[in-house]
């Protein structure tokens, strides 16, 4: 019986990990669409302010989704 719970938790974690990456991508694209500059171009020019904002997006979404995954595990 315990092996079923372990397998279910692994599957749940993998799905949650992919969802986290998907939502990070969506957050980045939304930020890119709402600003008047090209985020990728600014990051290529080593604009650290834009990099910090993108870091904040990734950390914020990662923590939020990570908590959902962590609290959902058995």
PDB file of N, CA and C in Angstrom:
ATOM      1  N   UNK A   1       0.816  -1.199   0.000  1.00  0.00           N
ATOM      2  CA  UNK A   1       0.000   0.000   0.000  1.00  0.00           C
ATOM      3  C   UNK A   1       0.856   1.256   0.000  1.00  0.00           C
ATOM      4  N   UNK A   2       1.975   1.230   0.682  1.00  0.00           N
ATOM      5  CA  UNK A   2       2.819   2.411   0.780  1.00  0.00           C
ATOM      6  C   UNK A   2       3.423   2.791  -0.572  1.00  0.00           C
ATOM      7  N   UNK A   3       3.715   1.793  -1.401  1.00  0.00           N
ATOM      8  CA  UNK A   3       4.322   2.063  -2.697  1.00  0.00           C
ATOM      9  C   UNK A   3       3.353   2.841  -3.592  1.00  0.00           C
ATOM     10  N   UNK A   4       2.054   2.603  -3.446  1.00  0.00           N
ATOM     11  CA  UNK A   4       1.065   3.353  -4.227  1.00  0.00           C
ATOM     12  C   UNK A   4       1.104   4.838  -3.879  1.00  0.00           C
ATOM     13  N   UNK A   5       1.239   5.145  -2.601  1.00  0.00           N
ATOM     14  CA  UNK A   5       1.310   6.545  -2.169  1.00  0.00           C
ATOM     15  C   UNK A   5       2.594   7.198  -2.672  1.00  0.00           C
ATOM     16  N   UNK A   6       3.690   6.453  -2.669  1.00  0.00           N
ATOM     17  CA  UNK A   6       4.964   6.997  -3.151  1.00  0.00           C
ATOM     18  C   UNK A   6       4.884   7.298  -4.641  1.00  0.00           C
ATOM     19  N   UNK A   7       4.335   6.384  -5.412  1.00  0.00           N
ATOM     20  CA  UNK A   7       4.202   6.589  -6.859  1.00  0.00           C
ATOM     21  C   UNK A   7       3.258   7.752  -7.142  1.00  0.00           C
ATOM     22  N   UNK A   8       2.169   7.842  -6.416  1.00  0.00           N
ATOM     23  CA  UNK A   8       1.229   8.950  -6.609  1.00  0.00           C
ATOM     24  C   UNK A   8       1.895  10.285  -6.295  1.00  0.00           C
ATOM     25  N   UNK A   9       2.702  10.339  -5.240  1.00  0.00           N
ATOM     26  CA  UNK A   9       3.400  11.577  -4.887  1.00  0.00           C
ATOM     27  C   UNK A   9       4.434  11.962  -5.930  1.00  0.00           C
ATOM     28  N   UNK A  10       5.130  10.980  -6.497  1.00  0.00           N
ATOM     29  CA  UNK A  10       6.110  11.271  -7.547  1.00  0.00           C
ATOM     30  C   UNK A  10       5.420  11.823  -8.786  1.00  0.00           C
ATOM     31  N   UNK A  11       4.331  11.211  -9.180  1.00  0.00           N
ATOM     32  CA  UNK A  11       3.580  11.686 -10.349  1.00  0.00           C
ATOM     33  C   UNK A  11       3.037  13.088 -10.094  1.00  0.00           C
ATOM     34  N   UNK A  12       2.502  13.306  -8.909  1.00  0.00           N
ATOM     35  CA  UNK A  12       1.968  14.622  -8.551  1.00  0.00           C
ATOM     36  C   UNK A  12       3.068  15.680  -8.574  1.00  0.00           C
ATOM     37  N   UNK A  13       4.252  15.325  -8.083  1.00  0.00           N
ATOM     38  CA  UNK A  13       5.373  16.265  -8.072  1.00  0.00           C
ATOM     39  C   UNK A  13       5.843  16.589  -9.489  1.00  0.00           C
ATOM     40  N   UNK A  14       5.898  15.587 -10.352  1.00  0.00           N
ATOM     41  CA  UNK A  14       6.313  15.828 -11.738  1.00  0.00           C
ATOM     42  C   UNK A  14       5.319  16.730 -12.468  1.00  0.00           C
ATOM     43  N   UNK A  15       4.053  16.457 -12.295  1.00  0.00           N
ATOM     44  CA  UNK A  15       3.029  17.299 -12.924  1.00  0.00           C
ATOM     45  C   UNK A  15       3.109  18.718 -12.364  1.00  0.00           C
ATOM     46  N   UNK A  16       3.289  18.831 -11.059  1.00  0.00           N
ATOM     47  CA  UNK A  16       3.416  20.146 -10.442  1.00  0.00           C
ATOM     48  C   UNK A  16       4.645  20.889 -10.923  1.00  0.00           C
ATOM     49  N   UNK A  17       5.755  20.179 -11.120  1.00  0.00           N
ATOM     50  CA  UNK A  17       6.967  20.806 -11.633  1.00  0.00           C
ATOM     51  C   UNK A  17       6.772  21.354 -13.038  1.00  0.00           C
ATOM     52  N   UNK A  18       6.131  20.574 -13.888  1.00  0.00           N
ATOM     53  CA  UNK A  18       5.867  21.056 -15.244  1.00  0.00           C
ATOM     54  C   UNK A  18       4.890  22.231 -15.235  1.00  0.00           C
ATOM     55  N   UNK A  19       3.900  22.184 -14.354  1.00  0.00           N
ATOM     56  CA  UNK A  19       2.973  23.314 -14.247  1.00  0.00           C
ATOM     57  C   UNK A  19       3.689  24.566 -13.753  1.00  0.00           C
ATOM     58  N   UNK A  20       4.627  24.403 -12.835  1.00  0.00           N
ATOM     59  CA  UNK A  20       5.399  25.539 -12.333  1.00  0.00           C
ATOM     60  C   UNK A  20       6.191  26.182 -13.469  1.00  0.00           C
ATOM     61  N   UNK A  21       6.873  25.360 -14.258  1.00  0.00           N
ATOM     62  CA  UNK A  21       7.632  25.893 -15.394  1.00  0.00           C
ATOM     63  C   UNK A  21       6.720  26.585 -16.397  1.00  0.00           C
ATOM     64  N   UNK A  22       5.537  26.009 -16.629  1.00  0.00           N
ATOM     65  CA  UNK A  22       4.578  26.612 -17.557  1.00  0.00           C
ATOM     66  C   UNK A  22       4.119  27.981 -17.056  1.00  0.00           C
ATOM     67  N   UNK A  23       3.792  28.082 -15.770  1.00  0.00           N
ATOM     68  CA  UNK A  23       3.328  29.355 -15.234  1.00  0.00           C
ATOM     69  C   UNK A  23       4.449  30.388 -15.164  1.00  0.00           C
ATOM     70  N   UNK A  24       5.694  29.944 -14.960  1.00  0.00           N
ATOM     71  CA  UNK A  24       6.822  30.875 -15.024  1.00  0.00           C
ATOM     72  C   UNK A  24       6.959  31.439 -16.435  1.00  0.00           C
ATOM     73  N   UNK A  25       6.800  30.581 -17.420  1.00  0.00           N
ATOM     74  CA  UNK A  25       6.859  31.018 -18.824  1.00  0.00           C
ATOM     75  C   UNK A  25       5.738  32.012 -19.125  1.00  0.00           C
ATOM     76  N   UNK A  26       4.534  31.711 -18.660  1.00  0.00           N
ATOM     77  CA  UNK A  26       3.397  32.611 -18.882  1.00  0.00           C
ATOM     78  C   UNK A  26       3.638  33.947 -18.185  1.00  0.00           C
ATOM     79  N   UNK A  27       4.158  33.930 -16.961  1.00  0.00           N
ATOM     80  CA  UNK A  27       4.448  35.172 -16.252  1.00  0.00           C
ATOM     81  C   UNK A  27       5.484  36.018 -16.974  1.00  0.00           C
ATOM     82  N   UNK A  28       6.515  35.368 -17.504  1.00  0.00           N
ATOM     83  CA  UNK A  28       7.545  36.086 -18.260  1.00  0.00           C
ATOM     84  C   UNK A  28       6.953  36.700 -19.526  1.00  0.00           C
ATOM     85  N   UNK A  29       6.148  35.939 -20.247  1.00  0.00           N
ATOM     86  CA  UNK A  29       5.555  36.445 -21.491  1.00  0.00           C
ATOM     87  C   UNK A  29       4.577  37.589 -21.205  1.00  0.00           C
ATOM     88  N   UNK A  30       3.812  37.493 -20.117  1.00  0.00           N
ATOM     89  CA  UNK A  30       2.903  38.591 -19.763  1.00  0.00           C
ATOM     90  C   UNK A  30       3.684  39.855 -19.417  1.00  0.00           C
ATOM     91  N   UNK A  31       4.782  39.698 -18.690  1.00  0.00           N
ATOM     92  CA  UNK A  31       5.630  40.845 -18.384  1.00  0.00           C
ATOM     93  C   UNK A  31       6.203  41.441 -19.658  1.00  0.00           C
ATOM     94  N   UNK A  32       6.609  40.587 -20.580  1.00  0.00           N
ATOM     95  CA  UNK A  32       7.182  41.049 -21.841  1.00  0.00           C
ATOM     96  C   UNK A  32       6.140  41.802 -22.677  1.00  0.00           C
ATOM     97  N   UNK A  33       4.909  41.334 -22.646  1.00  0.00           N
ATOM     98  CA  UNK A  33       3.845  41.987 -23.439  1.00  0.00           C
ATOM     99  C   UNK A  33       3.385  43.304 -22.819  1.00  0.00           C
ATOM    100  N   UNK A  34       3.449  43.436 -21.495  1.00  0.00           N
ATOM    101  CA  UNK A  34       2.916  44.637 -20.853  1.00  0.00           C
ATOM    102  C   UNK A  34       3.928  45.773 -20.763  1.00  0.00           C
ATOM    103  N   UNK A  35       5.194  45.503 -21.026  1.00  0.00           N
ATOM    104  CA  UNK A  35       6.193  46.566 -20.985  1.00  0.00           C
ATOM    105  C   UNK A  35       6.433  47.105 -22.391  1.00  0.00           C
ATOM    106  N   UNK A  36       6.934  48.320 -22.466  1.00  0.00           N
ATOM    107  CA  UNK A  36       7.151  48.945 -23.771  1.00  0.00           C
ATOM    108  C   UNK A  36       8.515  48.626 -24.370  1.00  0.00           C
ATOM    109  N   UNK A  37       9.264  47.745 -23.747  1.00  0.00           N
ATOM    110  CA  UNK A  37      10.563  47.330 -24.264  1.00  0.00           C
ATOM    111  C   UNK A  37      10.601  45.812 -24.391  1.00  0.00           C
ATOM    112  N   UNK A  38      11.579  45.332 -25.165  1.00  0.00           N
ATOM    113  CA  UNK A  38      11.740  43.897 -25.356  1.00  0.00           C
ATOM    114  C   UNK A  38      12.587  43.340 -24.219  1.00  0.00           C
ATOM    115  N   UNK A  39      11.993  42.489 -23.418  1.00  0.00           N
ATOM    116  CA  UNK A  39      12.676  41.966 -22.240  1.00  0.00           C
ATOM    117  C   UNK A  39      13.905  41.152 -22.626  1.00  0.00           C
ATOM    118  N   UNK A  40      13.798  40.308 -23.625  1.00  0.00           N
ATOM    119  CA  UNK A  40      14.930  39.484 -24.040  1.00  0.00           C
ATOM    120  C   UNK A  40      16.092  40.339 -24.513  1.00  0.00           C
ATOM    121  N   UNK A  41      15.777  41.398 -25.243  1.00  0.00           N
ATOM    122  CA  UNK A  41      16.823  42.299 -25.733  1.00  0.00           C
ATOM    123  C   UNK A  41      17.509  43.023 -24.576  1.00  0.00           C
ATOM    124  N   UNK A  42      16.728  43.455 -23.609  1.00  0.00           N
ATOM    125  CA  UNK A  42      17.300  44.138 -22.445  1.00  0.00           C
ATOM    126  C   UNK A  42      18.161  43.192 -21.609  1.00  0.00           C
ATOM    127  N   UNK A  43      17.740  41.949 -21.494  1.00  0.00           N
ATOM    128  CA  UNK A  43      18.554  40.977 -20.766  1.00  0.00           C
ATOM    129  C   UNK A  43      19.854  40.691 -21.512  1.00  0.00           C
ATOM    130  N   UNK A  44      19.798  40.671 -22.837  1.00  0.00           N
ATOM    131  CA  UNK A  44      21.006  40.455 -23.637  1.00  0.00           C
ATOM    132  C   UNK A  44      21.980  41.623 -23.495  1.00  0.00           C
ATOM    133  N   UNK A  45      21.441  42.830 -23.258  1.00  0.00           N
ATOM    134  CA  UNK A  45      22.294  44.008 -23.059  1.00  0.00           C
ATOM    135  C   UNK A  45      22.763  44.126 -21.612  1.00  0.00           C
ATOM    136  N   UNK A  46      22.517  43.115 -20.800  1.00  0.00           N
ATOM    137  CA  UNK A  46      22.930  43.053 -19.391  1.00  0.00           C
ATOM    138  C   UNK A  46      22.268  44.140 -18.546  1.00  0.00           C
ATOM    139  N   UNK A  47      20.979  44.364 -18.787  1.00  0.00           N
ATOM    140  CA  UNK A  47      20.207  45.301 -17.979  1.00  0.00           C
ATOM    141  C   UNK A  47      19.811  44.584 -16.687  1.00  0.00           C
ATOM    142  N   UNK A  48      20.481  44.931 -15.619  1.00  0.00           N
ATOM    143  CA  UNK A  48      20.293  44.210 -14.358  1.00  0.00           C
ATOM    144  C   UNK A  48      18.949  44.504 -13.704  1.00  0.00           C
ATOM    145  N   UNK A  49      18.393  45.669 -13.941  1.00  0.00           N
ATOM    146  CA  UNK A  49      17.083  45.984 -13.366  1.00  0.00           C
ATOM    147  C   UNK A  49      16.010  45.067 -13.947  1.00  0.00           C
ATOM    148  N   UNK A  50      16.048  44.865 -15.249  1.00  0.00           N
ATOM    149  CA  UNK A  50      15.090  43.957 -15.885  1.00  0.00           C
ATOM    150  C   UNK A  50      15.341  42.529 -15.390  1.00  0.00           C
ATOM    151  N   UNK A  51      16.599  42.176 -15.237  1.00  0.00           N
ATOM    152  CA  UNK A  51      16.932  40.853 -14.724  1.00  0.00           C
ATOM    153  C   UNK A  51      16.383  40.618 -13.330  1.00  0.00           C
ATOM    154  N   UNK A  52      16.438  41.645 -12.486  1.00  0.00           N
ATOM    155  CA  UNK A  52      15.902  41.503 -11.127  1.00  0.00           C
ATOM    156  C   UNK A  52      14.380  41.343 -11.141  1.00  0.00           C
ATOM    157  N   UNK A  53      13.709  42.042 -12.042  1.00  0.00           N
ATOM    158  CA  UNK A  53      12.251  41.910 -12.138  1.00  0.00           C
ATOM    159  C   UNK A  53      11.885  40.507 -12.616  1.00  0.00           C
ATOM    160  N   UNK A  54      12.605  40.017 -13.628  1.00  0.00           N
ATOM    161  CA  UNK A  54      12.347  38.660 -14.122  1.00  0.00           C
ATOM    162  C   UNK A  54      12.653  37.640 -13.021  1.00  0.00           C
ATOM    163  N   UNK A  55      13.715  37.859 -12.268  1.00  0.00           N
ATOM    164  CA  UNK A  55      14.018  36.996 -11.128  1.00  0.00           C
ATOM    165  C   UNK A  55      12.863  36.991 -10.135  1.00  0.00           C
ATOM    166  N   UNK A  56      12.301  38.166  -9.867  1.00  0.00           N
ATOM    167  CA  UNK A  56      11.166  38.259  -8.952  1.00  0.00           C
ATOM    168  C   UNK A  56       9.954  37.494  -9.454  1.00  0.00           C
ATOM    169  N   UNK A  57       9.728  37.557 -10.761  1.00  0.00           N
ATOM    170  CA  UNK A  57       8.613  36.799 -11.345  1.00  0.00           C
ATOM    171  C   UNK A  57       8.837  35.310 -11.135  1.00  0.00           C
ATOM    172  N   UNK A  58      10.042  34.836 -11.454  1.00  0.00           N
ATOM    173  CA  UNK A  58      10.331  33.410 -11.343  1.00  0.00           C
ATOM    174  C   UNK A  58      10.271  32.929  -9.892  1.00  0.00           C
ATOM    175  N   UNK A  59      10.833  33.700  -8.976  1.00  0.00           N
ATOM    176  CA  UNK A  59      10.832  33.296  -7.570  1.00  0.00           C
ATOM    177  C   UNK A  59       9.408  33.321  -7.010  1.00  0.00           C
ATOM    178  N   UNK A  60       8.663  34.373  -7.330  1.00  0.00           N
ATOM    179  CA  UNK A  60       7.295  34.483  -6.821  1.00  0.00           C
ATOM    180  C   UNK A  60       6.399  33.365  -7.304  1.00  0.00           C
ATOM    181  N   UNK A  61       6.436  33.090  -8.583  1.00  0.00           N
ATOM    182  CA  UNK A  61       5.611  32.007  -9.131  1.00  0.00           C
ATOM    183  C   UNK A  61       6.107  30.665  -8.611  1.00  0.00           C
ATOM    184  N   UNK A  62       7.416  30.500  -8.512  1.00  0.00           N
ATOM    185  CA  UNK A  62       7.967  29.241  -8.025  1.00  0.00           C
ATOM    186  C   UNK A  62       7.574  28.952  -6.591  1.00  0.00           C
ATOM    187  N   UNK A  63       7.618  29.962  -5.752  1.00  0.00           N
ATOM    188  CA  UNK A  63       7.224  29.766  -4.352  1.00  0.00           C
ATOM    189  C   UNK A  63       5.733  29.455  -4.252  1.00  0.00           C
ATOM    190  N   UNK A  64       4.921  30.195  -4.978  1.00  0.00           N
ATOM    191  CA  UNK A  64       3.472  29.983  -4.912  1.00  0.00           C
ATOM    192  C   UNK A  64       3.088  28.583  -5.379  1.00  0.00           C
ATOM    193  N   UNK A  65       3.595  28.180  -6.530  1.00  0.00           N
ATOM    194  CA  UNK A  65       3.246  26.857  -7.045  1.00  0.00           C
ATOM    195  C   UNK A  65       3.911  25.771  -6.201  1.00  0.00           C
ATOM    196  N   UNK A  66       5.131  26.028  -5.716  1.00  0.00           N
ATOM    197  CA  UNK A  66       5.813  25.059  -4.864  1.00  0.00           C
ATOM    198  C   UNK A  66       5.050  24.779  -3.579  1.00  0.00           C
ATOM    199  N   UNK A  67       4.454  25.807  -3.018  1.00  0.00           N
ATOM    200  CA  UNK A  67       3.637  25.605  -1.814  1.00  0.00           C
ATOM    201  C   UNK A  67       2.402  24.772  -2.113  1.00  0.00           C
ATOM    202  N   UNK A  68       1.807  25.018  -3.260  1.00  0.00           N
ATOM    203  CA  UNK A  68       0.631  24.214  -3.639  1.00  0.00           C
ATOM    204  C   UNK A  68       1.020  22.753  -3.793  1.00  0.00           C
ATOM    205  N   UNK A  69       2.162  22.510  -4.450  1.00  0.00           N
ATOM    206  CA  UNK A  69       2.620  21.135  -4.627  1.00  0.00           C
ATOM    207  C   UNK A  69       2.967  20.518  -3.270  1.00  0.00           C
ATOM    208  N   UNK A  70       3.722  21.239  -2.458  1.00  0.00           N
ATOM    209  CA  UNK A  70       4.151  20.713  -1.182  1.00  0.00           C
ATOM    210  C   UNK A  70       3.005  20.411  -0.242  1.00  0.00           C
ATOM    211  N   UNK A  71       2.008  21.267  -0.229  1.00  0.00           N
ATOM    212  CA  UNK A  71       0.867  21.033   0.661  1.00  0.00           C
ATOM    213  C   UNK A  71      -0.063  19.956   0.138  1.00  0.00           C
ATOM    214  N   UNK A  72       0.049  19.672  -1.151  1.00  0.00           N
ATOM    215  CA  UNK A  72      -0.825  18.649  -1.731  1.00  0.00           C
ATOM    216  C   UNK A  72      -0.288  17.244  -1.602  1.00  0.00           C
ATOM    217  N   UNK A  73       1.000  17.112  -1.255  1.00  0.00           N
ATOM    218  CA  UNK A  73       1.576  15.774  -1.125  1.00  0.00           C
ATOM    219  C   UNK A  73       1.076  15.094   0.150  1.00  0.00           C
ATOM    220  N   UNK A  74       1.003  13.796   0.097  1.00  0.00           N
ATOM    221  CA  UNK A  74       0.520  13.033   1.256  1.00  0.00           C
ATOM    222  C   UNK A  74       1.564  12.958   2.326  1.00  0.00           C
TER     223      UNK A  74
END
